[in-house]
Amino acid sequence: MADRVALRRPGMRTALAIFAVVTVPAIGGLWVSAAGDRSDAVADAPKTAAAQKSHPPRDPEVTAVDTPAPQELPGVRECGVGKPVVEPKIITLNCSNAGVVASDIKWDSFGADGANGSGVVLVSGAAGAGAPASFPARLRLYDVTKVDGMMAFTGIEVSYTGATPHAKAKEVYTIA
């Protein structure tokens, strides 16, 4: 008589192994596809100079409407690098360590001979403390110069409207 082998039902280890073989690649695929979304979000996140309003849209399918070119206004270069940005929302004042930054800037006037606005100056480790501090201030851009063939402001005057970071009511920075 021939021996008959009875079929065995899969045990718990076999079931877990099959579950792992199917589930792990599926979860890995979801994680990898989400990583692409996260990297796109990081690439699209605002940078100090890139967050300014004068940059064109990044979508290549968006076409600009033909409009006459406005008179060239001077802008602000991020630590002396790149294309000048007109009406920036953020300006790094101390480029050696990025420890002093003007942000949340709202411009009252922005013209070919100067600009006036207000914002908040963020100072890393202000007054010897380890924590950053913020100080409301009035900002004035001046000294328009042609830099690398483009018109740019090279000076900014900061007048604090309340407390000051360095016991000075007014500071002047070169931002070329």
N, C-alpha and C. Protein backbone atom coordinates (compact mmCIF):
# COMPACT_ATOMS: atom_id res chain seq x y z
N MET A 1 0.82 -1.16 0.00
CA MET A 1 0.00 0.00 0.00
C MET A 1 0.87 1.24 0.00
N ALA A 2 0.44 2.19 -0.74
CA ALA A 2 1.20 3.43 -0.82
C ALA A 2 0.85 4.32 0.36
N ASP A 3 1.91 4.93 0.86
CA ASP A 3 1.66 5.87 1.97
C ASP A 3 1.08 7.16 1.40
N ARG A 4 0.05 7.58 2.01
CA ARG A 4 -0.53 8.86 1.61
C ARG A 4 -0.07 9.93 2.58
N VAL A 5 0.33 11.01 1.99
CA VAL A 5 0.78 12.13 2.82
C VAL A 5 -0.41 13.08 2.97
N ALA A 6 -0.74 13.34 4.18
CA ALA A 6 -1.86 14.25 4.43
C ALA A 6 -1.37 15.69 4.32
N LEU A 7 -2.17 16.51 3.69
CA LEU A 7 -1.83 17.92 3.56
C LEU A 7 -1.93 18.59 4.92
N ARG A 8 -0.92 19.35 5.22
CA ARG A 8 -0.92 20.07 6.50
C ARG A 8 -1.42 21.48 6.29
N ARG A 9 -2.10 21.95 7.27
CA ARG A 9 -2.54 23.35 7.23
C ARG A 9 -1.36 24.20 7.67
N PRO A 10 -1.23 25.38 7.09
CA PRO A 10 -0.10 26.23 7.48
C PRO A 10 -0.20 26.59 8.95
N GLY A 11 0.98 26.59 9.58
CA GLY A 11 1.04 26.96 10.98
C GLY A 11 1.14 28.46 11.16
N MET A 12 1.23 28.86 12.40
CA MET A 12 1.28 30.28 12.72
C MET A 12 2.54 30.94 12.14
N ARG A 13 3.67 30.26 12.17
CA ARG A 13 4.91 30.83 11.62
C ARG A 13 4.79 31.04 10.12
N THR A 14 4.22 30.11 9.45
CA THR A 14 4.05 30.24 8.00
C THR A 14 3.13 31.40 7.67
N ALA A 15 2.05 31.51 8.40
CA ALA A 15 1.11 32.61 8.16
C ALA A 15 1.78 33.95 8.42
N LEU A 16 2.57 34.07 9.48
CA LEU A 16 3.28 35.33 9.76
C LEU A 16 4.31 35.63 8.67
N ALA A 17 4.98 34.62 8.18
CA ALA A 17 5.97 34.83 7.13
C ALA A 17 5.31 35.34 5.86
N ILE A 18 4.19 34.74 5.49
CA ILE A 18 3.45 35.19 4.29
C ILE A 18 2.96 36.62 4.49
N PHE A 19 2.42 36.90 5.67
CA PHE A 19 1.95 38.26 5.96
C PHE A 19 3.10 39.27 5.83
N ALA A 20 4.27 38.94 6.37
CA ALA A 20 5.42 39.84 6.30
C ALA A 20 5.88 40.05 4.87
N VAL A 21 5.91 38.97 4.08
CA VAL A 21 6.36 39.05 2.69
C VAL A 21 5.44 39.95 1.87
N VAL A 22 4.17 39.94 2.17
CA VAL A 22 3.21 40.76 1.42
C VAL A 22 3.15 42.19 1.97
N THR A 23 3.14 42.34 3.28
CA THR A 23 2.91 43.64 3.90
C THR A 23 4.12 44.56 3.84
N VAL A 24 5.31 44.05 4.12
CA VAL A 24 6.50 44.90 4.18
C VAL A 24 6.75 45.62 2.86
N PRO A 25 6.73 44.96 1.70
CA PRO A 25 6.93 45.71 0.45
C PRO A 25 5.82 46.73 0.19
N ALA A 26 4.59 46.38 0.56
CA ALA A 26 3.49 47.33 0.35
C ALA A 26 3.69 48.59 1.18
N ILE A 27 4.06 48.42 2.44
CA ILE A 27 4.30 49.58 3.31
C ILE A 27 5.52 50.35 2.82
N GLY A 28 6.55 49.63 2.41
CA GLY A 28 7.75 50.29 1.88
C GLY A 28 7.43 51.13 0.65
N GLY A 29 6.57 50.62 -0.21
CA GLY A 29 6.18 51.38 -1.40
C GLY A 29 5.44 52.65 -1.04
N LEU A 30 4.55 52.56 -0.06
CA LEU A 30 3.84 53.76 0.39
C LEU A 30 4.81 54.77 0.99
N TRP A 31 5.78 54.29 1.77
CA TRP A 31 6.74 55.18 2.40
C TRP A 31 7.60 55.88 1.35
N VAL A 32 8.03 55.14 0.33
CA VAL A 32 8.86 55.72 -0.72
C VAL A 32 8.07 56.76 -1.50
N SER A 33 6.81 56.48 -1.82
CA SER A 33 6.02 57.46 -2.56
C SER A 33 5.76 58.69 -1.72
N ALA A 34 5.57 58.52 -0.42
CA ALA A 34 5.39 59.68 0.46
C ALA A 34 6.68 60.47 0.59
N ALA A 35 7.83 59.80 0.51
CA ALA A 35 9.11 60.50 0.59
C ALA A 35 9.26 61.46 -0.57
N GLY A 36 8.79 61.05 -1.76
CA GLY A 36 8.82 61.95 -2.91
C GLY A 36 7.98 63.19 -2.66
N ASP A 37 6.80 63.00 -2.05
CA ASP A 37 5.95 64.14 -1.73
C ASP A 37 6.63 65.04 -0.72
N ARG A 38 7.31 64.44 0.28
CA ARG A 38 8.00 65.25 1.28
C ARG A 38 9.14 66.04 0.65
N SER A 39 9.88 65.43 -0.27
CA SER A 39 11.00 66.15 -0.88
C SER A 39 10.48 67.29 -1.75
N ASP A 40 9.33 67.10 -2.42
CA ASP A 40 8.75 68.19 -3.19
C ASP A 40 8.33 69.32 -2.27
N ALA A 41 7.79 69.00 -1.10
CA ALA A 41 7.37 70.03 -0.16
C ALA A 41 8.56 70.81 0.34
N VAL A 42 9.68 70.13 0.59
CA VAL A 42 10.88 70.82 1.05
C VAL A 42 11.41 71.72 -0.05
N ALA A 43 11.42 71.24 -1.29
CA ALA A 43 11.92 72.05 -2.40
C ALA A 43 11.05 73.29 -2.61
N ASP A 44 9.74 73.15 -2.37
CA ASP A 44 8.84 74.28 -2.56
C ASP A 44 8.77 75.20 -1.36
N ALA A 45 9.36 74.82 -0.24
CA ALA A 45 9.29 75.64 0.96
C ALA A 45 10.04 76.94 0.74
N PRO A 46 9.58 78.04 1.36
CA PRO A 46 10.23 79.32 1.17
C PRO A 46 11.63 79.36 1.75
N LYS A 47 12.50 80.00 1.04
CA LYS A 47 13.85 80.30 1.52
C LYS A 47 13.88 81.81 1.74
N THR A 48 14.93 82.31 2.37
CA THR A 48 14.92 83.74 2.69
C THR A 48 14.75 84.59 1.45
N ALA A 49 15.57 84.43 0.45
CA ALA A 49 15.44 85.25 -0.75
C ALA A 49 14.37 84.69 -1.68
N ALA A 50 14.19 83.36 -1.68
CA ALA A 50 13.24 82.74 -2.58
C ALA A 50 11.80 83.02 -2.18
N ALA A 51 11.56 83.43 -0.95
CA ALA A 51 10.21 83.67 -0.48
C ALA A 51 9.70 85.05 -0.88
N GLN A 52 10.48 85.77 -1.61
CA GLN A 52 10.12 87.13 -1.95
C GLN A 52 9.11 87.15 -3.09
N LYS A 53 8.38 88.25 -3.22
CA LYS A 53 7.27 88.26 -4.16
C LYS A 53 7.67 88.54 -5.60
N SER A 54 8.92 88.88 -5.89
CA SER A 54 9.29 89.21 -7.25
C SER A 54 9.69 88.00 -8.07
N HIS A 55 9.73 86.82 -7.48
CA HIS A 55 10.11 85.63 -8.23
C HIS A 55 8.95 85.16 -9.09
N PRO A 56 9.23 84.69 -10.31
CA PRO A 56 8.17 84.16 -11.17
C PRO A 56 7.69 82.81 -10.66
N PRO A 57 6.52 82.37 -11.08
CA PRO A 57 6.03 81.06 -10.66
C PRO A 57 6.97 79.96 -11.15
N ARG A 58 7.07 78.87 -10.37
CA ARG A 58 7.97 77.79 -10.70
C ARG A 58 7.34 76.79 -11.66
N ASP A 59 6.05 76.83 -11.86
CA ASP A 59 5.37 75.88 -12.71
C ASP A 59 5.66 76.22 -14.17
N PRO A 60 6.31 75.33 -14.93
CA PRO A 60 6.64 75.65 -16.31
C PRO A 60 5.41 75.76 -17.20
N GLU A 61 4.26 75.20 -16.79
CA GLU A 61 3.07 75.29 -17.61
C GLU A 61 2.38 76.64 -17.48
N VAL A 62 2.73 77.42 -16.45
CA VAL A 62 2.14 78.74 -16.27
C VAL A 62 2.85 79.70 -17.20
N THR A 63 2.10 80.37 -18.04
CA THR A 63 2.71 81.32 -18.97
C THR A 63 2.40 82.72 -18.51
N ALA A 64 3.37 83.59 -18.66
CA ALA A 64 3.21 84.98 -18.25
C ALA A 64 2.42 85.73 -19.32
N VAL A 65 1.63 86.68 -18.87
CA VAL A 65 0.89 87.53 -19.79
C VAL A 65 1.84 88.62 -20.26
N ASP A 66 1.80 88.91 -21.55
CA ASP A 66 2.68 89.95 -22.08
C ASP A 66 2.25 91.30 -21.55
N THR A 67 3.11 91.92 -20.76
CA THR A 67 2.87 93.24 -20.22
C THR A 67 4.11 94.07 -20.47
N PRO A 68 3.94 95.37 -20.58
CA PRO A 68 5.12 96.20 -20.77
C PRO A 68 6.03 96.11 -19.55
N ALA A 69 7.32 96.14 -19.79
CA ALA A 69 8.30 96.05 -18.70
C ALA A 69 8.23 97.31 -17.85
N PRO A 70 8.08 97.15 -16.53
CA PRO A 70 8.07 98.32 -15.66
C PRO A 70 9.48 98.89 -15.54
N GLN A 71 9.54 100.12 -15.06
CA GLN A 71 10.84 100.73 -14.82
C GLN A 71 11.59 99.87 -13.82
N GLU A 72 12.85 99.63 -14.09
CA GLU A 72 13.63 98.75 -13.22
C GLU A 72 13.78 99.38 -11.85
N LEU A 73 13.26 98.70 -10.85
CA LEU A 73 13.43 99.13 -9.47
C LEU A 73 14.61 98.39 -8.87
N PRO A 74 15.36 99.05 -8.02
CA PRO A 74 16.44 98.33 -7.35
C PRO A 74 15.85 97.33 -6.37
N GLY A 75 16.62 96.31 -6.07
CA GLY A 75 16.16 95.30 -5.14
C GLY A 75 17.20 95.06 -4.06
N VAL A 76 17.02 93.99 -3.33
CA VAL A 76 17.94 93.61 -2.27
C VAL A 76 18.49 92.24 -2.61
N ARG A 77 19.81 92.10 -2.59
CA ARG A 77 20.44 90.80 -2.83
C ARG A 77 20.67 90.11 -1.49
N GLU A 78 20.39 88.84 -1.42
CA GLU A 78 20.57 88.06 -0.19
C GLU A 78 22.06 87.89 0.07
N CYS A 79 22.59 88.65 1.01
CA CYS A 79 24.01 88.62 1.38
C CYS A 79 24.91 88.83 0.17
N GLY A 80 24.48 89.71 -0.74
CA GLY A 80 25.30 90.05 -1.90
C GLY A 80 25.32 89.00 -2.98
N VAL A 81 24.39 88.06 -2.94
CA VAL A 81 24.38 86.97 -3.91
C VAL A 81 23.02 86.92 -4.61
N GLY A 82 23.05 86.60 -5.88
CA GLY A 82 21.80 86.38 -6.61
C GLY A 82 21.20 87.64 -7.17
N LYS A 83 20.03 87.46 -7.74
CA LYS A 83 19.29 88.55 -8.37
C LYS A 83 18.63 89.40 -7.28
N PRO A 84 18.69 90.73 -7.41
CA PRO A 84 18.03 91.59 -6.43
C PRO A 84 16.51 91.35 -6.40
N VAL A 85 15.97 91.29 -5.20
CA VAL A 85 14.54 91.06 -5.00
C VAL A 85 13.88 92.38 -4.63
N VAL A 86 12.83 92.73 -5.35
CA VAL A 86 12.09 93.95 -5.09
C VAL A 86 11.08 93.67 -3.98
N GLU A 87 11.01 94.57 -3.01
CA GLU A 87 10.11 94.47 -1.86
C GLU A 87 10.26 93.13 -1.13
N PRO A 88 11.46 92.81 -0.66
CA PRO A 88 11.64 91.54 0.05
C PRO A 88 10.89 91.53 1.37
N LYS A 89 10.51 90.35 1.81
CA LYS A 89 9.83 90.18 3.10
C LYS A 89 10.83 89.84 4.20
N ILE A 90 12.02 89.37 3.79
CA ILE A 90 13.07 88.98 4.73
C ILE A 90 14.41 89.51 4.20
N ILE A 91 15.22 90.10 5.09
CA ILE A 91 16.56 90.56 4.72
C ILE A 91 17.53 90.12 5.81
N THR A 92 18.58 89.39 5.42
CA THR A 92 19.61 89.01 6.37
C THR A 92 20.52 90.22 6.56
N LEU A 93 20.63 90.70 7.78
CA LEU A 93 21.42 91.90 8.06
C LEU A 93 22.87 91.56 8.40
N ASN A 94 23.09 90.45 9.08
CA ASN A 94 24.44 90.03 9.44
C ASN A 94 24.73 88.73 8.69
N CYS A 95 25.42 88.84 7.56
CA CYS A 95 25.65 87.67 6.71
C CYS A 95 26.76 86.77 7.22
N SER A 96 27.59 87.25 8.12
CA SER A 96 28.69 86.42 8.60
C SER A 96 28.20 85.21 9.39
N ASN A 97 27.08 85.36 10.11
CA ASN A 97 26.56 84.23 10.87
C ASN A 97 25.03 84.15 10.82
N ALA A 98 24.41 84.99 10.02
CA ALA A 98 22.94 85.04 9.90
C ALA A 98 22.28 85.22 11.26
N GLY A 99 22.97 85.90 12.18
CA GLY A 99 22.47 86.10 13.53
C GLY A 99 21.51 87.26 13.67
N VAL A 100 21.41 88.12 12.64
CA VAL A 100 20.49 89.26 12.69
C VAL A 100 19.72 89.27 11.36
N VAL A 101 18.40 89.13 11.45
CA VAL A 101 17.55 89.04 10.27
C VAL A 101 16.33 89.93 10.46
N ALA A 102 16.02 90.74 9.45
CA ALA A 102 14.78 91.51 9.45
C ALA A 102 13.72 90.67 8.74
N SER A 103 12.56 90.51 9.37
CA SER A 103 11.51 89.68 8.76
C SER A 103 10.16 90.36 8.91
N ASP A 104 9.16 89.74 8.31
CA ASP A 104 7.79 90.27 8.32
C ASP A 104 7.76 91.73 7.86
N ILE A 105 8.55 92.04 6.83
CA ILE A 105 8.69 93.42 6.38
C ILE A 105 7.48 93.82 5.56
N LYS A 106 6.93 94.97 5.90
CA LYS A 106 5.83 95.58 5.14
C LYS A 106 6.34 96.94 4.67
N TRP A 107 6.35 97.11 3.36
CA TRP A 107 6.91 98.34 2.78
C TRP A 107 5.84 99.41 2.63
N ASP A 108 6.13 100.62 3.17
CA ASP A 108 5.26 101.77 2.98
C ASP A 108 5.52 102.40 1.63
N SER A 109 6.79 102.44 1.23
CA SER A 109 7.17 102.97 -0.07
C SER A 109 8.39 102.20 -0.56
N PHE A 110 8.46 102.00 -1.87
CA PHE A 110 9.59 101.29 -2.47
C PHE A 110 9.82 101.91 -3.83
N GLY A 111 10.89 102.69 -3.95
CA GLY A 111 11.14 103.40 -5.19
C GLY A 111 12.58 103.30 -5.63
N ALA A 112 12.89 104.01 -6.73
CA ALA A 112 14.22 103.96 -7.31
C ALA A 112 15.28 104.63 -6.43
N ASP A 113 14.85 105.54 -5.55
CA ASP A 113 15.83 106.27 -4.74
C ASP A 113 15.88 105.79 -3.28
N GLY A 114 14.94 104.95 -2.87
CA GLY A 114 14.96 104.45 -1.49
C GLY A 114 13.66 103.74 -1.16
N ALA A 115 13.64 103.13 0.02
CA ALA A 115 12.45 102.41 0.45
C ALA A 115 12.31 102.54 1.96
N ASN A 116 11.06 102.59 2.43
CA ASN A 116 10.77 102.68 3.86
C ASN A 116 9.72 101.64 4.22
N GLY A 117 9.94 101.00 5.37
CA GLY A 117 8.99 99.99 5.81
C GLY A 117 9.18 99.68 7.28
N SER A 118 8.46 98.66 7.72
CA SER A 118 8.58 98.23 9.12
C SER A 118 8.61 96.72 9.15
N GLY A 119 9.18 96.21 10.24
CA GLY A 119 9.28 94.76 10.40
C GLY A 119 9.78 94.42 11.78
N VAL A 120 10.25 93.21 11.91
CA VAL A 120 10.77 92.70 13.17
C VAL A 120 12.20 92.23 12.93
N VAL A 121 13.11 92.68 13.78
CA VAL A 121 14.50 92.23 13.68
C VAL A 121 14.70 91.10 14.67
N LEU A 122 15.07 89.94 14.14
CA LEU A 122 15.32 88.76 14.97
C LEU A 122 16.82 88.66 15.21
N VAL A 123 17.20 88.57 16.48
CA VAL A 123 18.61 88.52 16.85
C VAL A 123 18.86 87.23 17.63
N SER A 124 19.78 86.42 17.13
CA SER A 124 20.15 85.18 17.83
C SER A 124 21.03 85.52 19.01
N GLY A 125 20.69 85.04 20.18
CA GLY A 125 21.50 85.27 21.37
C GLY A 125 21.61 86.73 21.74
N ALA A 126 20.52 87.49 21.67
CA ALA A 126 20.54 88.92 21.97
C ALA A 126 20.87 89.17 23.43
N ALA A 127 21.60 90.21 23.67
CA ALA A 127 21.94 90.69 25.02
C ALA A 127 22.61 89.60 25.86
N GLY A 128 23.42 88.76 25.20
CA GLY A 128 24.15 87.73 25.92
C GLY A 128 23.31 86.51 26.28
N ALA A 129 22.03 86.55 26.01
CA ALA A 129 21.17 85.41 26.32
C ALA A 129 21.29 84.37 25.20
N GLY A 130 20.99 83.15 25.50
CA GLY A 130 21.09 82.10 24.51
C GLY A 130 19.91 82.05 23.56
N ALA A 131 18.75 82.52 24.00
CA ALA A 131 17.55 82.44 23.18
C ALA A 131 17.47 83.63 22.22
N PRO A 132 16.94 83.41 21.01
CA PRO A 132 16.75 84.52 20.09
C PRO A 132 15.69 85.48 20.61
N ALA A 133 15.80 86.73 20.20
CA ALA A 133 14.83 87.74 20.62
C ALA A 133 14.40 88.53 19.39
N SER A 134 13.25 89.17 19.47
CA SER A 134 12.75 89.97 18.35
C SER A 134 12.49 91.40 18.82
N PHE A 135 12.74 92.33 17.88
CA PHE A 135 12.64 93.75 18.18
C PHE A 135 11.92 94.45 17.03
N PRO A 136 10.81 95.14 17.31
CA PRO A 136 10.13 95.88 16.23
C PRO A 136 11.02 97.04 15.77
N ALA A 137 10.97 97.30 14.44
CA ALA A 137 11.85 98.33 13.91
C ALA A 137 11.29 98.93 12.62
N ARG A 138 11.74 100.14 12.33
CA ARG A 138 11.51 100.80 11.04
C ARG A 138 12.75 100.54 10.20
N LEU A 139 12.57 100.32 8.90
CA LEU A 139 13.68 100.01 8.01
C LEU A 139 13.72 101.02 6.87
N ARG A 140 14.95 101.43 6.50
CA ARG A 140 15.12 102.35 5.37
C ARG A 140 16.23 101.82 4.48
N LEU A 141 15.90 101.51 3.23
CA LEU A 141 16.90 101.09 2.25
C LEU A 141 17.42 102.33 1.53
N TYR A 142 18.72 102.35 1.25
CA TYR A 142 19.32 103.50 0.57
C TYR A 142 20.55 103.05 -0.22
N ASP A 143 21.20 103.99 -0.87
CA ASP A 143 22.43 103.79 -1.63
C ASP A 143 22.23 102.76 -2.75
N VAL A 144 21.56 103.19 -3.82
CA VAL A 144 21.34 102.34 -4.97
C VAL A 144 22.61 102.30 -5.81
N THR A 145 23.07 101.09 -6.11
CA THR A 145 24.29 100.90 -6.88
C THR A 145 24.06 99.78 -7.88
N LYS A 146 24.73 99.88 -9.02
CA LYS A 146 24.67 98.80 -10.00
C LYS A 146 25.67 97.74 -9.57
N VAL A 147 25.17 96.54 -9.26
CA VAL A 147 26.01 95.44 -8.79
C VAL A 147 25.80 94.28 -9.76
N ASP A 148 26.88 93.81 -10.38
CA ASP A 148 26.80 92.73 -11.36
C ASP A 148 25.77 93.03 -12.44
N GLY A 149 25.69 94.27 -12.86
CA GLY A 149 24.79 94.67 -13.93
C GLY A 149 23.34 94.86 -13.49
N MET A 150 23.05 94.77 -12.19
CA MET A 150 21.68 94.92 -11.70
C MET A 150 21.65 96.01 -10.63
N MET A 151 20.55 96.75 -10.58
CA MET A 151 20.40 97.80 -9.58
C MET A 151 20.01 97.17 -8.23
N ALA A 152 20.77 97.57 -7.19
CA ALA A 152 20.51 96.99 -5.86
C ALA A 152 20.79 98.02 -4.78
N PHE A 153 20.00 97.94 -3.71
CA PHE A 153 20.28 98.74 -2.52
C PHE A 153 21.48 98.10 -1.82
N THR A 154 22.37 98.95 -1.32
CA THR A 154 23.55 98.41 -0.63
C THR A 154 23.60 98.80 0.85
N GLY A 155 22.66 99.60 1.29
CA GLY A 155 22.64 100.00 2.70
C GLY A 155 21.24 99.92 3.28
N ILE A 156 21.17 99.58 4.57
CA ILE A 156 19.89 99.58 5.27
C ILE A 156 20.10 100.17 6.65
N GLU A 157 19.18 101.04 7.03
CA GLU A 157 19.19 101.67 8.35
C GLU A 157 18.04 101.08 9.15
N VAL A 158 18.35 100.61 10.34
CA VAL A 158 17.35 100.00 11.22
C VAL A 158 17.15 100.91 12.42
N SER A 159 15.93 101.41 12.60
CA SER A 159 15.60 102.25 13.76
C SER A 159 14.61 101.47 14.62
N TYR A 160 15.04 101.09 15.81
CA TYR A 160 14.19 100.29 16.69
C TYR A 160 13.11 101.16 17.29
N THR A 161 11.89 100.62 17.36
CA THR A 161 10.75 101.39 17.87
C THR A 161 10.42 101.05 19.31
N GLY A 162 11.16 100.17 19.90
CA GLY A 162 10.95 99.79 21.30
C GLY A 162 12.29 99.42 21.89
N ALA A 163 12.34 98.26 22.52
CA ALA A 163 13.60 97.77 23.08
C ALA A 163 14.60 97.54 21.95
N THR A 164 15.87 97.60 22.27
CA THR A 164 16.92 97.42 21.28
C THR A 164 17.83 96.25 21.67
N PRO A 165 18.40 95.56 20.67
CA PRO A 165 19.25 94.41 21.00
C PRO A 165 20.63 94.79 21.52
N HIS A 166 21.17 95.92 21.08
CA HIS A 166 22.54 96.29 21.44
C HIS A 166 22.62 97.67 22.08
N ALA A 167 21.55 98.10 22.72
CA ALA A 167 21.48 99.41 23.39
C ALA A 167 21.69 100.56 22.42
N LYS A 168 21.39 100.34 21.14
CA LYS A 168 21.47 101.40 20.14
C LYS A 168 20.08 101.55 19.53
N ALA A 169 19.61 102.78 19.44
CA ALA A 169 18.29 103.01 18.85
C ALA A 169 18.32 102.89 17.33
N LYS A 170 19.52 103.01 16.73
CA LYS A 170 19.65 102.97 15.28
C LYS A 170 20.91 102.21 14.91
N GLU A 171 20.81 101.34 13.89
CA GLU A 171 21.97 100.60 13.39
C GLU A 171 21.97 100.69 11.87
N VAL A 172 23.16 100.64 11.29
CA VAL A 172 23.32 100.71 9.84
C VAL A 172 24.09 99.45 9.40
N TYR A 173 23.58 98.80 8.32
CA TYR A 173 24.21 97.60 7.80
C TYR A 173 24.49 97.77 6.31
N THR A 174 25.58 97.18 5.85
CA THR A 174 25.87 97.10 4.43
C THR A 174 25.33 95.78 3.94
N ILE A 175 24.49 95.81 2.90
CA ILE A 175 23.82 94.60 2.45
C ILE A 175 24.12 94.28 0.99
N ALA A 176 25.23 94.80 0.48
CA ALA A 176 25.57 94.58 -0.94
C ALA A 176 25.81 93.13 -1.16
